Structures are given as C-alpha cells and as structure tokens.
Amino acid sequence: MGGGNAPEALEEVRDLIRTARVVRGDLQIVLGELTPVRGTDDDKRLNRQIAEFNMALPSVAEDMTGQDSPVVVARTSAHYSAAEDNWDTTHPNARGELKIAAAFADALAGPLRLGAPYPRPLPEVPVGPQTRPKVSVAEQDADKLVLSWKRVLGATRYQVLQRRLRPDPDEQVPLLTEPTPAEDGRMSVEVDHLLSGATYEFVVRPFKGGDGGRRSRVVKVPFDADPPAAPKWVRVDDRREFLVWAAVTNATHFEVWRRPMKCAEPSDEEDPDDADGASSAAPACEPRDAKGPGKGKGWTSVAVVNGDRRWAIDTDGKPAAEFVVVSHRDYLAGGAADPVEFVVED
C-alpha cells in the first residue's frame, strides 16, 4: 500500500484488473491478501490498514469477476506470523514463502479447479542462508588474527562466535566487531584481545535479517605469539628485602621460582680472631645443580607478579635459597633469568 490507505490500494487493484483485461479478457485472476508487518516505526497503523484491505478484498474479487474472467482470493494472511514468517519487517522468509505459495495453490485448486490443494500440515523448512561459510585464518600476528570467508548468497549480516578452548575454557560469545567486505568477494573480521598460549575456536553464522542460517564448521586456532625474553638482570636490592628485575617487552606478568640450597652445618670451632672465642663461621651453601625450573630438582613456583617488578624475599625458613624469575605473556611462558642466590644473614 506504500504510504496510502486501504481504500486507495483496493482501487489500484481494480485498475490493475481492468488494465490486464484489455490485453486478454478471459484471464483467471488470483488476488493475494497482504501479510502483516513487524518492526517498522508504524506497525499498529500499517497492520490496521492491512486488515482493512484483506477484509474488503473478497468484495473486490466478487465485483470484478466476469463471465469469462473469474477473480478469487488466496488467503495468504491466514496463519501467517510476521514474527516467524518475515526475515525483515515486511518480506517473507522461506517459511513465509511456503505459506503464501500454499494459499495460492489452494485458491487455484478450489474455485478455479487448477491443480490440487497444498498438502497439510505444511512441512518445516529451514530459514536463513543455507550455504555454510568456509572460514579460514587470513592473517595472524602478535596482536590479532583475521578470519576470512566467501560471502554467502542472500546473507545480510554475519555473526562471529568465539570461545577459548584451553586453558581455562570459557563460554561462547559473539564478537562485537562487525565483519567487513573485501573487493575479492570475501568477508573478514579482525579479532583482538586474544591471550597468547591459548587455543580458540570460531564459528561464523550467516543471517538474512533476523533469520540465522547454517553455521560454519568450527575453526580451531592456537594463538601462539612470540614468547617474551628473559629479564636481562635479576638481583637482590640493597636492603636485602626484595628480589628486583628488569622490564621485558610484551611480558604481561612474571613467575618467581624458589628452591632451597644445600648448606653444610656451621663449624663449631672457635674463630681465633673472635675476641669472645665464639663461633662465627657461616654455613657453606651451594646450588643443588646447575639446572633451572622444569629441569632441575626441588624448584617450586612461589609467586606470580603483576605490575611491580619486585617480590619480597622469602626463603621459607631455609638458611639459603636460589630464585629464578620467568617472563610470561598471558598463558605463554617466556625466558627464564639466571638463578640468584640468597643466604640469610644472622
């Protein structure tokens, strides 16, 4: 009806029938009812006009029926739901098209005796684009990756779903970033804020309006950016309270490892230089071996440090310990600094 009203639209139908009969006077004509709308800025008024049009359509058909040119009405609005049968505000999806086609088949088979009524109940038909997108990783670097796929015929938009598989699996969520078209007939989307060392899965679903179609197969992507280097230096501060280390590019946090050193019992012999004759010999301590965490024995992860590059020294009550600081980028372990030895002073 465009921007007009029901009476105007009905008069246009009459004019169309008259014009068609100028060319051929024995036409058999089927008029379809208008289907409802949903999601416009003026649903209430439009649907009221549509209902008025449909109610008057049988009278138009009866008035315009000629001796050799019958006019009948297809009940296309019967059992039609704008919420379920439209892919946008006004246009039918596959389910809506089937209902409209069945109504026309019934009208042809009934009064006009052409063919047979459409079988009932109507079959369930899938809606939305039925071509499954083939998704690939077009590009990956330290900060992001780009997913790409060929445009799906009939799709008006796409939804990209993301989920972290491991470690720490999370829930599948839609990306907020909208895919963009390229000149080669493909679509692409840039995915950022990924965690290094994690494996993700992505699924792309095409939509036609509000109708979701067939999803792509799952694409699994290990996001392995370059691991950060080891701190260039690690040392004990001047007050012997903290372990401190250098900044590392791309490191998101640091892990502190500790293991006790092997220490001999202090000597009970008197120090001839000690005026009181008391024993002052410190215990002799040495590393267990020359191997770091993951290779040597006795290492324990004792802290994860974010922000400040320092850690309050704690030997766990042992007279001496050695410490190693390892750089991390998210879940990806980087380089390990050389061990630092610390002996508790009396």
Protein backbone atom coordinates (compact mmCIF):
# COMPACT_ATOMS: atom_id res chain seq x y z
CA MET A 1 0.00 0.00 0.00
CA GLY A 2 3.02 2.24 0.21
CA GLY A 3 2.12 5.42 2.06
CA GLY A 4 -1.60 5.27 1.14
CA ASN A 5 -4.57 3.65 2.79
CA ALA A 6 -6.72 0.57 2.24
CA PRO A 7 -9.42 2.14 0.01
CA GLU A 8 -6.76 3.63 -2.28
CA ALA A 9 -4.95 0.30 -2.51
CA LEU A 10 -8.18 -1.56 -3.32
CA GLU A 11 -8.96 0.90 -6.11
CA GLU A 12 -5.47 0.30 -7.53
CA VAL A 13 -6.24 -3.44 -7.57
CA ARG A 14 -9.40 -2.77 -9.57
CA ASP A 15 -7.41 -0.65 -12.04
CA LEU A 16 -4.83 -3.41 -12.49
CA ILE A 17 -7.53 -5.96 -13.26
CA ARG A 18 -9.15 -3.65 -15.82
CA THR A 19 -5.76 -2.99 -17.47
CA ALA A 20 -4.94 -6.70 -17.66
CA ARG A 21 -8.26 -7.48 -19.29
CA VAL A 22 -7.58 -5.01 -22.06
CA VAL A 23 -4.86 -7.37 -23.22
CA ARG A 24 -6.79 -10.55 -22.50
CA GLY A 25 -10.41 -10.66 -21.50
CA ASP A 26 -10.59 -14.25 -20.24
CA LEU A 27 -7.88 -14.05 -17.57
CA GLN A 28 -8.35 -16.09 -14.43
CA ILE A 29 -7.05 -13.96 -11.57
CA VAL A 30 -5.95 -14.81 -8.04
CA LEU A 31 -5.53 -11.94 -5.59
CA GLY A 32 -3.36 -12.49 -2.54
CA GLU A 33 -4.04 -10.94 0.83
CA LEU A 34 -1.41 -8.67 2.34
CA THR A 35 0.69 -10.21 5.10
CA PRO A 36 1.32 -8.35 8.39
CA VAL A 37 4.41 -6.30 9.20
CA ARG A 38 6.55 -6.19 12.32
CA GLY A 39 9.40 -3.97 13.44
CA THR A 40 8.53 -0.85 11.50
CA ASP A 41 8.08 2.51 13.14
CA ASP A 42 4.34 2.35 12.37
CA ASP A 43 3.26 -1.28 12.90
CA LYS A 44 -0.08 -0.55 14.51
CA ARG A 45 -1.37 1.74 11.77
CA LEU A 46 0.01 -0.36 8.92
CA ASN A 47 -1.44 -3.62 10.24
CA ARG A 48 -4.80 -1.92 10.77
CA GLN A 49 -4.76 -0.82 7.11
CA ILE A 50 -3.67 -4.31 6.02
CA ALA A 51 -6.56 -5.89 7.94
CA GLU A 52 -8.99 -3.44 6.35
CA PHE A 53 -7.59 -4.23 2.88
CA ASN A 54 -7.85 -8.00 3.40
CA MET A 55 -11.39 -7.76 4.73
CA ALA A 56 -12.57 -5.88 1.64
CA LEU A 57 -10.64 -7.97 -0.89
CA PRO A 58 -13.33 -10.71 -1.34
CA SER A 59 -15.88 -8.00 -2.23
CA VAL A 60 -13.46 -6.60 -4.84
CA ALA A 61 -12.97 -10.09 -6.25
CA GLU A 62 -16.73 -10.65 -6.44
CA ASP A 63 -17.36 -7.25 -8.07
CA MET A 64 -14.60 -7.72 -10.62
CA THR A 65 -15.47 -11.30 -11.57
CA GLY A 66 -16.61 -11.51 -15.17
CA GLN A 67 -18.36 -14.27 -17.10
CA ASP A 68 -15.10 -15.50 -18.63
CA SER A 69 -12.68 -13.99 -16.13
CA PRO A 70 -13.14 -15.18 -12.54
CA VAL A 71 -11.32 -13.38 -9.70
CA VAL A 72 -10.64 -15.29 -6.48
CA VAL A 73 -8.76 -14.56 -3.27
CA ALA A 74 -5.81 -16.53 -1.83
CA ARG A 75 -5.92 -16.48 2.00
CA THR A 76 -2.22 -15.68 2.30
CA SER A 77 -2.56 -13.93 5.68
CA ALA A 78 -4.23 -16.90 7.37
CA HIS A 79 -1.91 -18.47 9.98
CA TYR A 80 0.84 -16.03 8.91
CA SER A 81 3.03 -14.63 11.70
CA ALA A 82 5.18 -11.61 10.98
CA ALA A 83 7.49 -12.54 13.87
CA GLU A 84 8.18 -16.03 12.50
CA ASP A 85 7.50 -15.74 8.79
CA ASN A 86 9.25 -12.46 7.84
CA TRP A 87 13.01 -12.13 7.53
CA ASP A 88 12.77 -8.36 7.95
CA THR A 89 9.88 -6.00 8.65
CA THR A 90 7.82 -6.95 5.59
CA HIS A 91 9.42 -9.62 3.40
CA PRO A 92 8.66 -13.35 3.85
CA ASN A 93 11.36 -15.85 4.67
CA ALA A 94 11.31 -19.42 3.36
CA ARG A 95 8.62 -20.38 5.88
CA GLY A 96 6.50 -17.39 4.90
CA GLU A 97 7.00 -18.06 1.19
CA LEU A 98 5.74 -21.60 1.67
CA LYS A 99 2.59 -20.38 3.44
CA ILE A 100 1.92 -17.88 0.64
CA ALA A 101 2.53 -20.46 -2.07
CA ALA A 102 0.25 -22.97 -0.33
CA ALA A 103 -2.53 -20.37 -0.09
CA PHE A 104 -2.27 -19.66 -3.84
CA ALA A 105 -2.27 -23.40 -4.61
CA ASP A 106 -5.46 -23.77 -2.56
CA ALA A 107 -7.12 -20.87 -4.41
CA LEU A 108 -6.18 -22.30 -7.80
CA ALA A 109 -7.36 -25.78 -6.83
CA GLY A 110 -10.62 -24.63 -5.26
CA PRO A 111 -12.65 -22.11 -7.25
CA LEU A 112 -10.53 -22.37 -10.41
CA ARG A 113 -10.04 -26.17 -10.35
CA LEU A 114 -6.38 -25.93 -11.34
CA GLY A 115 -4.18 -28.48 -9.63
CA ALA A 116 -4.59 -29.75 -6.09
CA PRO A 117 -4.62 -28.04 -2.70
CA TYR A 118 -1.27 -27.96 -0.95
CA PRO A 119 -0.87 -30.93 1.45
CA ARG A 120 -1.31 -30.20 5.15
CA PRO A 121 0.31 -29.95 7.59
CA LEU A 122 2.89 -27.75 5.94
CA PRO A 123 6.43 -29.12 6.15
CA GLU A 124 9.03 -27.49 8.35
CA VAL A 125 11.51 -25.59 6.21
CA PRO A 126 14.84 -24.07 7.27
CA VAL A 127 15.12 -20.32 7.23
CA GLY A 128 18.16 -18.11 6.78
CA PRO A 129 21.01 -18.69 4.31
CA GLN A 130 21.66 -22.39 3.82
CA THR A 131 25.21 -22.14 2.46
CA ARG A 132 27.73 -22.95 5.18
CA PRO A 133 30.58 -20.37 5.29
CA LYS A 134 34.09 -21.79 4.83
CA VAL A 135 36.21 -19.90 7.34
CA SER A 136 39.99 -19.65 7.29
CA VAL A 137 42.65 -17.65 9.14
CA ALA A 138 43.76 -14.97 6.72
CA GLU A 139 46.37 -13.38 8.95
CA GLN A 140 47.87 -13.76 12.41
CA ASP A 141 50.46 -11.74 14.30
CA ALA A 142 51.41 -10.94 17.87
CA ASP A 143 48.38 -8.74 18.49
CA LYS A 144 45.49 -10.14 16.49
CA LEU A 145 44.23 -12.55 13.87
CA VAL A 146 41.94 -12.06 10.86
CA LEU A 147 39.23 -14.55 9.87
CA SER A 148 38.02 -14.66 6.27
CA TRP A 149 35.26 -16.39 4.28
CA LYS A 150 33.47 -16.11 0.95
CA ARG A 151 30.27 -14.09 1.03
CA VAL A 152 27.13 -16.20 1.40
CA LEU A 153 24.37 -15.63 -1.16
CA GLY A 154 21.37 -13.96 0.47
CA ALA A 155 23.13 -13.11 3.73
CA THR A 156 22.55 -9.59 5.01
CA ARG A 157 24.86 -9.92 8.04
CA TYR A 158 27.08 -12.39 9.89
CA GLN A 159 27.60 -13.37 13.50
CA VAL A 160 31.07 -14.50 14.61
CA LEU A 161 31.16 -16.63 17.76
CA GLN A 162 34.33 -17.08 19.82
CA ARG A 163 35.27 -19.44 22.65
CA ARG A 164 38.53 -20.24 24.42
CA LEU A 165 39.09 -23.97 24.46
CA ARG A 166 42.19 -24.14 26.63
CA PRO A 167 43.46 -23.35 29.09
CA ASP A 168 40.60 -22.14 31.29
CA PRO A 169 37.74 -22.80 28.82
CA ASP A 170 35.14 -20.06 28.68
CA GLU A 171 31.65 -19.57 27.22
CA GLN A 172 30.93 -18.99 23.54
CA VAL A 173 30.25 -15.30 22.94
CA PRO A 174 29.51 -13.22 19.84
CA LEU A 175 32.13 -10.73 18.72
CA LEU A 176 31.11 -7.09 18.79
CA THR A 177 33.30 -6.31 15.77
CA GLU A 178 31.33 -6.30 12.51
CA PRO A 179 32.76 -8.23 9.52
CA THR A 180 33.70 -6.08 6.53
CA PRO A 181 33.50 -6.89 2.79
CA ALA A 182 36.58 -7.00 0.58
CA GLU A 183 36.92 -6.44 -3.17
CA ASP A 184 37.55 -10.14 -3.84
CA GLY A 185 34.04 -11.14 -2.76
CA ARG A 186 35.07 -12.23 0.71
CA MET A 187 34.21 -11.11 4.21
CA SER A 188 36.72 -10.66 7.01
CA VAL A 189 36.78 -9.78 10.68
CA GLU A 190 39.67 -8.76 12.90
CA VAL A 191 39.86 -10.46 16.29
CA ASP A 192 41.99 -8.91 19.00
CA HIS A 193 42.43 -9.14 22.78
CA LEU A 194 43.44 -12.78 22.45
CA LEU A 195 45.65 -14.41 25.07
CA SER A 196 48.99 -15.84 23.99
CA GLY A 197 49.36 -19.56 24.56
CA ALA A 198 45.59 -20.17 24.38
CA THR A 199 43.61 -22.13 21.78
CA TYR A 200 40.37 -20.62 20.47
CA GLU A 201 37.51 -21.80 18.33
CA PHE A 202 35.45 -19.65 15.98
CA VAL A 203 32.11 -20.19 14.24
CA VAL A 204 30.53 -17.91 11.62
CA ARG A 205 26.76 -17.88 11.12
CA PRO A 206 25.13 -16.03 8.21
CA PHE A 207 21.84 -14.20 8.76
CA LYS A 208 19.18 -12.91 6.42
CA GLY A 209 17.59 -10.20 8.50
CA GLY A 210 16.64 -11.87 11.76
CA ASP A 211 16.85 -15.44 10.41
CA GLY A 212 20.01 -17.34 11.24
CA GLY A 213 21.29 -19.81 8.65
CA ARG A 214 23.74 -22.69 8.65
CA ARG A 215 26.80 -22.23 10.81
CA SER A 216 30.32 -22.75 9.55
CA ARG A 217 32.37 -25.65 10.79
CA VAL A 218 34.40 -24.91 13.90
CA VAL A 219 37.80 -23.35 13.21
CA LYS A 220 40.36 -24.01 15.95
CA VAL A 221 43.24 -21.54 16.22
CA PRO A 222 46.22 -21.85 18.61
CA PHE A 223 47.23 -18.25 19.32
CA ASP A 224 50.97 -18.56 19.87
CA ALA A 225 52.63 -15.18 19.74
CA ASP A 226 56.38 -14.96 20.25
CA PRO A 227 57.25 -15.68 23.90
CA PRO A 228 58.79 -12.80 25.86
CA ALA A 229 62.51 -12.79 26.56
CA ALA A 230 64.01 -13.42 29.98
CA PRO A 231 64.70 -10.43 32.25
CA LYS A 232 68.18 -9.10 31.39
CA TRP A 233 69.04 -8.88 35.06
CA VAL A 234 67.66 -10.07 38.40
CA ARG A 235 69.19 -9.02 41.71
CA VAL A 236 68.62 -8.54 45.41
CA ASP A 237 68.07 -4.91 46.38
CA ASP A 238 70.50 -3.04 48.62
CA ARG A 239 68.41 -3.61 51.74
CA ARG A 240 68.23 -7.34 51.02
CA GLU A 241 64.43 -7.25 51.24
CA PHE A 242 63.29 -7.62 47.66
CA LEU A 243 64.12 -9.52 44.53
CA VAL A 244 64.01 -6.99 41.63
CA TRP A 245 64.39 -7.39 37.87
CA ALA A 246 64.43 -5.55 34.53
CA ALA A 247 61.40 -4.80 32.37
CA VAL A 248 60.65 -7.18 29.49
CA THR A 249 58.90 -6.12 26.29
CA ASN A 250 55.49 -7.85 25.78
CA ALA A 251 55.61 -9.59 29.19
CA THR A 252 52.25 -9.46 30.98
CA HIS A 253 53.45 -10.94 34.27
CA PHE A 254 56.34 -12.78 35.92
CA GLU A 255 56.63 -16.03 37.84
CA VAL A 256 59.05 -16.46 40.74
CA TRP A 257 60.50 -19.92 41.37
CA ARG A 258 62.39 -20.95 44.52
CA ARG A 259 64.35 -23.91 45.81
CA PRO A 260 66.46 -24.34 48.97
CA MET A 261 70.21 -24.55 48.58
CA LYS A 262 72.35 -27.31 50.04
CA CYS A 263 74.04 -25.97 53.15
CA ALA A 264 76.68 -27.61 55.35
CA GLU A 265 76.32 -27.30 59.13
CA PRO A 266 78.26 -24.31 60.51
CA SER A 267 81.60 -25.11 62.13
CA ASP A 268 81.73 -25.33 65.96
CA GLU A 269 85.41 -24.44 66.04
CA GLU A 270 86.31 -21.14 67.62
CA ASP A 271 87.47 -18.35 65.34
CA PRO A 272 90.92 -17.35 66.60
CA ASP A 273 90.20 -13.77 65.54
CA ASP A 274 86.98 -13.61 67.60
CA ALA A 275 87.76 -11.88 70.93
CA ASP A 276 84.93 -13.72 72.69
CA GLY A 277 86.00 -17.06 71.32
CA ALA A 278 82.53 -17.65 69.82
CA SER A 279 81.94 -19.50 66.56
CA SER A 280 81.15 -17.08 63.66
CA ALA A 281 81.54 -19.27 60.61
CA ALA A 282 78.52 -19.02 58.27
CA PRO A 283 77.14 -22.20 56.74
CA ALA A 284 78.60 -23.07 53.36
CA CYS A 285 75.74 -23.23 50.82
CA GLU A 286 75.63 -24.17 47.18
CA PRO A 287 73.01 -24.88 44.50
CA ARG A 288 71.72 -28.43 44.17
CA ASP A 289 72.64 -28.46 40.49
CA ALA A 290 73.05 -26.08 37.56
CA LYS A 291 69.54 -26.68 36.21
CA GLY A 292 66.62 -24.25 36.35
CA PRO A 293 62.86 -24.86 36.81
CA GLY A 294 61.47 -27.69 34.72
CA LYS A 295 64.84 -29.42 34.55
CA GLY A 296 66.37 -29.22 37.99
CA LYS A 297 65.00 -30.82 41.15
CA GLY A 298 63.38 -29.05 44.07
CA TRP A 299 62.01 -25.97 42.31
CA THR A 300 58.66 -24.59 43.46
CA SER A 301 56.59 -21.80 41.91
CA VAL A 302 56.00 -19.37 44.76
CA ALA A 303 54.55 -16.19 43.23
CA VAL A 304 53.01 -14.56 40.18
CA VAL A 305 53.90 -10.88 39.99
CA ASN A 306 51.84 -8.33 38.04
CA GLY A 307 52.69 -4.66 37.79
CA ASP A 308 55.68 -4.05 40.05
CA ARG A 309 58.84 -5.90 39.10
CA ARG A 310 59.80 -6.89 42.62
CA TRP A 311 59.00 -9.59 45.14
CA ALA A 312 59.55 -9.65 48.92
CA ILE A 313 62.19 -12.30 49.53
CA ASP A 314 61.00 -15.37 51.43
CA THR A 315 63.27 -18.39 51.88
CA ASP A 316 60.52 -20.42 53.56
CA GLY A 317 62.59 -20.64 56.72
CA LYS A 318 65.63 -22.08 54.98
CA PRO A 319 69.10 -20.60 55.57
CA ALA A 320 69.64 -20.10 51.84
CA ALA A 321 67.68 -20.32 48.61
CA GLU A 322 68.06 -19.58 44.96
CA PHE A 323 65.44 -17.82 42.87
CA VAL A 324 64.57 -17.71 39.19
CA VAL A 325 62.28 -15.18 37.50
CA VAL A 326 60.41 -16.33 34.36
CA SER A 327 58.69 -13.92 31.93
CA HIS A 328 55.15 -14.73 30.76
CA ARG A 329 52.86 -13.39 28.08
CA ASP A 330 49.39 -14.45 29.17
CA TYR A 331 49.49 -18.26 29.15
CA LEU A 332 52.77 -18.41 27.23
CA ALA A 333 55.91 -18.90 29.30
CA GLY A 334 58.95 -16.99 28.09
CA GLY A 335 62.59 -16.84 29.06
CA ALA A 336 63.99 -17.67 32.48
CA ALA A 337 66.69 -15.49 34.03
CA ASP A 338 69.79 -16.98 35.61
CA PRO A 339 69.33 -18.12 39.22
CA VAL A 340 70.02 -15.65 42.01
CA GLU A 341 71.42 -17.00 45.28
CA PHE A 342 70.40 -15.62 48.67
CA VAL A 343 71.86 -16.54 52.06
CA VAL A 344 70.08 -15.41 55.21
CA GLU A 345 72.31 -13.27 57.44
CA ASP A 346 72.19 -13.55 61.22
